[in-house]
Amino acid sequence: MTHHQLDRTVHWRGRQVAWDRFGDGPPLIFLHGTPWSSALWRPIADALSSRFTVYLWDMPGYGASSKDADHPVDLGVQGELFAHLCEVWDVRRPHVVAHDFGGAVALRARLLHGMTYASLCLVDVVALSPWGSPFFQLVKEHAEVFAQLPPAVHRGAVEAYVRGASFRGLSEEALDMLVHPWTGPDGQPAFYRQIAQADEVYTDEVEGRYGDIDEPVHIIWGVEDAWIPADRATRLQATIPNASLAEVADAGHLIQLDGPEALTAELSRWLEQHRAHP
């Protein structure tokens, strides 16, 4: 698994937002979740770049973007920033593929910040309360204590946490790609800070408005998702008019790594179906 760098930067309210654009065709934006980065989407983005102009970005507090302790990294901030990035990129009605809490970011940008999409694909997303694992809740209540763990203990805890998101198991290379941004003097406190600032209020604020979404929406879910169980997929489908649903067998929350071929094929089918839309 090759680690690609995000070669461009946008400055927003003191934050440095790492991003990249490549390929040719209608705009397609990928949104990552927590505790991930755009690196999780990169192989699939590469595969789709022959038919789309692909945008990848790391949210502030994640990946290669800035991790300043004074900058909030909550879902409210990220939704506002996403709408701003689309203005900076001069992107109108992009196709959007969002994973984990990237789903909440895309939904907030759509319902609160004036965004519209050519299509929206929600992949194992944070969208309905309640959300957050027992570990997530424990860290949330004691983030300052966890931030003081010895680095080796911290890394072990993050590795164990991340491994739990995969059904098939992770290679050492994939594990390092996911964990490395959360190590070191900037990464370790940033890991606990982003959990501490996660709050269901940001999904509760928009959940009642999912019925207002009139763009084509497709939901994809790993059947073996232990972080956000697959029954959430049918619940979410029921809240969005005309949303379609596809489930991927033998895939957990890290569906990009557990079922890359099946996920890429399903995304290709969905996006090609709506590629001609303005």
Protein backbone atom coordinates (compact mmCIF):
# COMPACT_ATOMS: atom_id res chain seq x y z
CA MET A 1 0.00 0.00 0.00
CA THR A 2 1.67 3.20 -1.18
CA HIS A 3 1.41 6.29 1.00
CA HIS A 4 0.55 9.20 -1.30
CA GLN A 5 1.07 12.77 -0.19
CA LEU A 6 -1.59 15.44 -0.47
CA ASP A 7 0.27 18.10 -2.44
CA ARG A 8 -1.93 21.17 -1.98
CA THR A 9 -2.98 23.33 0.94
CA VAL A 10 -5.93 25.59 1.73
CA HIS A 11 -5.74 27.97 4.69
CA TRP A 12 -8.99 28.47 6.61
CA ARG A 13 -9.37 30.24 9.97
CA GLY A 14 -5.79 29.50 10.90
CA ARG A 15 -5.97 25.87 9.84
CA GLN A 16 -3.93 24.22 7.11
CA VAL A 17 -6.07 21.83 5.10
CA ALA A 18 -4.14 19.29 3.02
CA TRP A 19 -5.85 18.25 -0.23
CA ASP A 20 -5.24 16.95 -3.72
CA ARG A 21 -7.03 16.83 -7.07
CA PHE A 22 -6.39 14.49 -9.98
CA GLY A 23 -8.14 12.73 -12.83
CA ASP A 24 -10.55 13.96 -15.46
CA GLY A 25 -14.33 14.22 -15.62
CA PRO A 26 -17.14 15.42 -13.35
CA PRO A 27 -16.07 16.38 -9.80
CA LEU A 28 -16.05 13.55 -7.24
CA ILE A 29 -15.19 14.34 -3.62
CA PHE A 30 -14.30 11.73 -1.00
CA LEU A 31 -14.83 12.41 2.71
CA HIS A 32 -13.08 10.34 5.38
CA GLY A 33 -14.16 9.74 8.96
CA THR A 34 -12.50 9.08 12.30
CA PRO A 35 -9.86 8.08 13.13
CA TRP A 36 -8.97 7.90 9.46
CA SER A 37 -7.68 10.19 6.72
CA SER A 38 -8.04 10.49 2.96
CA ALA A 39 -5.33 7.81 2.61
CA LEU A 40 -8.04 5.22 3.24
CA TRP A 41 -9.84 6.36 0.06
CA ARG A 42 -6.74 6.82 -2.12
CA PRO A 43 -6.66 3.45 -3.98
CA ILE A 44 -10.37 3.70 -4.84
CA ALA A 45 -9.98 7.35 -5.83
CA ASP A 46 -7.12 6.34 -8.13
CA ALA A 47 -9.30 3.67 -9.72
CA LEU A 48 -12.08 6.20 -10.44
CA SER A 49 -9.85 9.05 -11.60
CA SER A 50 -10.01 7.99 -15.25
CA ARG A 51 -13.69 8.99 -15.29
CA PHE A 52 -13.87 11.70 -12.61
CA THR A 53 -11.89 14.65 -11.34
CA VAL A 54 -11.25 13.33 -7.85
CA TYR A 55 -10.80 15.49 -4.74
CA LEU A 56 -9.24 14.16 -1.55
CA TRP A 57 -8.74 16.15 1.63
CA ASP A 58 -7.80 15.60 5.25
CA MET A 59 -10.05 17.32 7.74
CA PRO A 60 -8.26 19.60 10.23
CA GLY A 61 -7.12 17.48 13.15
CA TYR A 62 -6.59 14.45 10.88
CA GLY A 63 -3.99 13.04 8.52
CA ALA A 64 -1.69 15.65 7.01
CA SER A 65 -3.81 18.67 7.99
CA SER A 66 -2.97 20.89 10.96
CA LYS A 67 -3.59 19.64 14.50
CA ASP A 68 -3.48 22.85 16.52
CA ALA A 69 -4.87 22.28 20.02
CA ASP A 70 -6.68 25.65 19.88
CA HIS A 71 -8.70 24.78 16.78
CA PRO A 72 -12.00 22.93 17.26
CA VAL A 73 -12.35 19.84 15.07
CA ASP A 74 -15.99 18.98 15.73
CA LEU A 75 -18.53 18.00 13.07
CA GLY A 76 -19.97 21.50 13.01
CA VAL A 77 -16.60 22.97 11.99
CA GLN A 78 -15.96 20.25 9.42
CA GLY A 79 -19.34 20.70 7.72
CA GLU A 80 -18.80 24.44 7.40
CA LEU A 81 -15.29 23.91 6.07
CA PHE A 82 -16.45 21.38 3.48
CA ALA A 83 -18.90 23.89 2.02
CA HIS A 84 -16.10 26.49 1.96
CA LEU A 85 -13.70 24.11 0.19
CA CYS A 86 -16.22 23.53 -2.58
CA GLU A 87 -16.32 27.31 -3.11
CA VAL A 88 -12.51 27.50 -3.18
CA TRP A 89 -12.40 24.62 -5.67
CA ASP A 90 -15.24 26.22 -7.68
CA VAL A 91 -17.09 22.90 -7.58
CA ARG A 92 -20.84 22.96 -8.17
CA ARG A 93 -23.00 19.90 -7.55
CA PRO A 94 -20.20 17.39 -7.05
CA HIS A 95 -20.62 13.69 -6.64
CA VAL A 96 -19.83 12.93 -3.00
CA VAL A 97 -18.75 9.66 -1.37
CA ALA A 98 -18.55 9.83 2.41
CA HIS A 99 -17.45 7.31 5.05
CA ASP A 100 -18.02 7.21 8.80
CA PHE A 101 -18.48 10.73 10.21
CA GLY A 102 -17.68 12.12 6.77
CA GLY A 103 -21.33 11.21 6.18
CA ALA A 104 -22.41 13.60 8.92
CA VAL A 105 -20.13 16.28 7.44
CA ALA A 106 -21.67 15.86 3.97
CA LEU A 107 -25.21 15.84 5.39
CA ARG A 108 -24.59 18.96 7.47
CA ALA A 109 -23.07 20.79 4.49
CA ARG A 110 -26.14 19.85 2.43
CA LEU A 111 -28.79 20.76 5.02
CA LEU A 112 -27.17 23.69 6.84
CA HIS A 113 -24.64 25.27 4.47
CA GLY A 114 -26.34 25.37 1.08
CA MET A 115 -24.53 22.53 -0.68
CA THR A 116 -26.24 20.46 -3.38
CA TYR A 117 -24.89 17.26 -4.88
CA ALA A 118 -25.11 15.46 -8.20
CA SER A 119 -25.21 12.29 -6.10
CA LEU A 120 -24.44 11.30 -2.55
CA CYS A 121 -23.09 7.91 -1.49
CA LEU A 122 -23.03 7.19 2.25
CA VAL A 123 -20.68 4.36 3.26
CA ASP A 124 -20.98 2.98 6.82
CA VAL A 125 -21.74 6.50 8.02
CA VAL A 126 -22.31 8.29 11.29
CA ALA A 127 -25.78 9.77 10.77
CA LEU A 128 -28.17 8.43 13.41
CA SER A 129 -27.92 8.58 17.20
CA PRO A 130 -26.64 6.90 19.25
CA TRP A 131 -23.09 6.44 17.98
CA GLY A 132 -19.68 5.83 19.55
CA SER A 133 -18.17 2.61 20.93
CA PRO A 134 -17.62 1.98 24.67
CA PHE A 135 -13.92 2.83 24.17
CA PHE A 136 -14.97 6.04 22.40
CA GLN A 137 -17.19 6.98 25.35
CA LEU A 138 -14.46 6.19 27.90
CA VAL A 139 -11.92 8.34 26.06
CA LYS A 140 -14.46 11.13 25.69
CA GLU A 141 -14.83 11.33 29.46
CA HIS A 142 -11.08 11.13 30.21
CA ALA A 143 -9.36 12.57 27.13
CA GLU A 144 -6.77 14.56 29.08
CA VAL A 145 -5.70 11.44 31.00
CA PHE A 146 -5.38 9.34 27.85
CA ALA A 147 -3.33 12.06 26.16
CA GLN A 148 -0.66 11.55 28.84
CA LEU A 149 -0.15 7.84 28.15
CA PRO A 150 3.43 6.74 27.36
CA PRO A 151 3.81 6.78 23.56
CA ALA A 152 4.21 3.00 23.24
CA VAL A 153 1.09 2.36 25.35
CA HIS A 154 -0.82 4.93 23.32
CA ARG A 155 0.20 3.33 20.05
CA GLY A 156 -0.85 -0.09 21.33
CA ALA A 157 -4.25 1.26 22.36
CA VAL A 158 -4.82 2.94 18.98
CA GLU A 159 -3.72 -0.17 17.11
CA ALA A 160 -6.13 -2.36 19.09
CA TYR A 161 -8.94 0.14 18.54
CA VAL A 162 -8.31 0.36 14.79
CA ARG A 163 -8.02 -3.43 14.41
CA GLY A 164 -11.56 -3.70 15.78
CA ALA A 165 -12.89 -1.82 12.75
CA SER A 166 -11.80 -4.56 10.34
CA PHE A 167 -13.58 -7.88 9.86
CA ARG A 168 -10.90 -9.60 7.77
CA GLY A 169 -7.88 -8.31 9.68
CA LEU A 170 -5.31 -5.66 8.75
CA SER A 171 -1.86 -6.03 7.25
CA GLU A 172 0.97 -4.35 9.15
CA GLU A 173 1.32 -1.85 6.30
CA ALA A 174 -2.37 -0.92 6.43
CA LEU A 175 -2.26 -0.68 10.21
CA ASP A 176 0.72 1.67 10.07
CA MET A 177 -1.03 3.85 7.45
CA LEU A 178 -4.02 4.24 9.78
CA VAL A 179 -2.15 4.65 13.07
CA HIS A 180 0.95 6.68 12.15
CA PRO A 181 -0.83 10.09 11.92
CA TRP A 182 -1.86 9.65 15.58
CA THR A 183 1.68 9.20 16.91
CA GLY A 184 4.24 11.74 18.05
CA PRO A 185 3.83 14.97 20.03
CA ASP A 186 1.15 16.35 17.68
CA GLY A 187 -0.66 13.15 16.75
CA GLN A 188 -1.19 11.64 20.19
CA PRO A 189 -3.08 14.56 21.79
CA ALA A 190 -4.93 15.13 18.51
CA PHE A 191 -6.30 11.57 18.63
CA TYR A 192 -7.92 12.10 22.01
CA ARG A 193 -8.97 15.66 21.26
CA GLN A 194 -11.04 14.68 18.23
CA ILE A 195 -12.85 12.01 20.26
CA ALA A 196 -13.50 14.46 23.09
CA GLN A 197 -15.14 16.88 20.64
CA ALA A 198 -17.37 14.28 19.00
CA ASP A 199 -20.98 14.91 20.00
CA GLU A 200 -24.31 13.47 18.90
CA VAL A 201 -25.76 16.99 18.94
CA TYR A 202 -24.26 17.47 15.47
CA THR A 203 -26.25 14.59 13.99
CA ASP A 204 -29.34 15.25 16.12
CA GLU A 205 -29.41 18.76 14.63
CA VAL A 206 -29.95 17.46 11.09
CA GLU A 207 -31.39 13.96 11.51
CA GLY A 208 -34.97 15.23 11.38
CA ARG A 209 -34.28 16.90 8.02
CA TYR A 210 -32.98 13.91 6.05
CA GLY A 211 -36.37 13.77 4.37
CA ASP A 212 -35.56 17.10 2.68
CA ILE A 213 -32.76 15.55 0.61
CA ASP A 214 -33.90 15.21 -2.99
CA GLU A 215 -30.63 14.24 -4.69
CA PRO A 216 -29.92 10.63 -5.65
CA VAL A 217 -28.65 8.89 -2.47
CA HIS A 218 -27.07 5.46 -2.21
CA ILE A 219 -26.12 3.74 1.05
CA ILE A 220 -23.38 1.10 1.19
CA TRP A 221 -22.71 -0.91 4.35
CA GLY A 222 -20.39 -3.67 5.47
CA VAL A 223 -22.54 -6.50 6.77
CA GLU A 224 -20.01 -7.24 9.53
CA ASP A 225 -19.57 -3.64 10.71
CA ALA A 226 -18.93 -3.91 14.46
CA TRP A 227 -18.67 -0.14 14.96
CA ILE A 228 -21.93 0.93 13.31
CA PRO A 229 -24.11 -2.18 12.91
CA ALA A 230 -25.72 -2.86 9.54
CA ASP A 231 -29.25 -2.35 10.89
CA ARG A 232 -28.44 1.38 10.83
CA ALA A 233 -28.28 1.15 7.04
CA THR A 234 -31.96 0.22 6.73
CA ARG A 235 -32.91 2.77 9.37
CA LEU A 236 -31.05 5.48 7.45
CA GLN A 237 -32.54 4.38 4.14
CA ALA A 238 -36.03 4.84 5.62
CA THR A 239 -35.29 8.50 6.46
CA ILE A 240 -34.09 9.60 2.98
CA PRO A 241 -36.60 9.61 0.10
CA ASN A 242 -35.81 7.08 -2.64
CA ALA A 243 -32.43 6.13 -1.14
CA SER A 244 -31.04 2.82 -2.38
CA LEU A 245 -29.00 0.35 -0.34
CA ALA A 246 -26.26 -2.18 -1.06
CA GLU A 247 -24.62 -4.40 1.55
CA VAL A 248 -21.11 -5.82 1.20
CA ALA A 249 -20.59 -9.29 2.65
CA ASP A 250 -17.56 -10.15 4.79
CA ALA A 251 -16.72 -6.47 5.33
CA GLY A 252 -16.56 -4.51 8.56
CA HIS A 253 -16.41 -0.79 9.20
CA LEU A 254 -13.11 -0.56 7.31
CA ILE A 255 -14.95 -1.62 4.18
CA GLN A 256 -12.27 0.00 1.97
CA LEU A 257 -9.76 -2.58 3.24
CA ASP A 258 -12.07 -5.53 3.93
CA GLY A 259 -13.89 -5.45 0.59
CA PRO A 260 -12.01 -3.14 -1.79
CA GLU A 261 -13.03 -4.91 -4.99
CA ALA A 262 -16.71 -5.13 -4.07
CA LEU A 263 -16.78 -1.53 -2.83
CA THR A 264 -15.02 -0.18 -5.94
CA ALA A 265 -17.39 -2.10 -8.20
CA GLU A 266 -20.45 -0.81 -6.35
CA LEU A 267 -19.20 2.78 -6.36
CA SER A 268 -18.37 2.54 -10.07
CA ARG A 269 -21.84 1.22 -10.85
CA TRP A 270 -23.54 3.93 -8.78
CA LEU A 271 -21.43 6.83 -10.05
CA GLU A 272 -21.64 5.77 -13.68
CA GLN A 273 -25.42 5.67 -13.35
CA HIS A 274 -25.41 9.35 -12.31
CA ARG A 275 -22.29 10.58 -14.11
CA ALA A 276 -24.22 12.47 -16.79
CA HIS A 277 -26.14 14.55 -14.25
CA PRO A 278 -25.17 18.25 -14.27
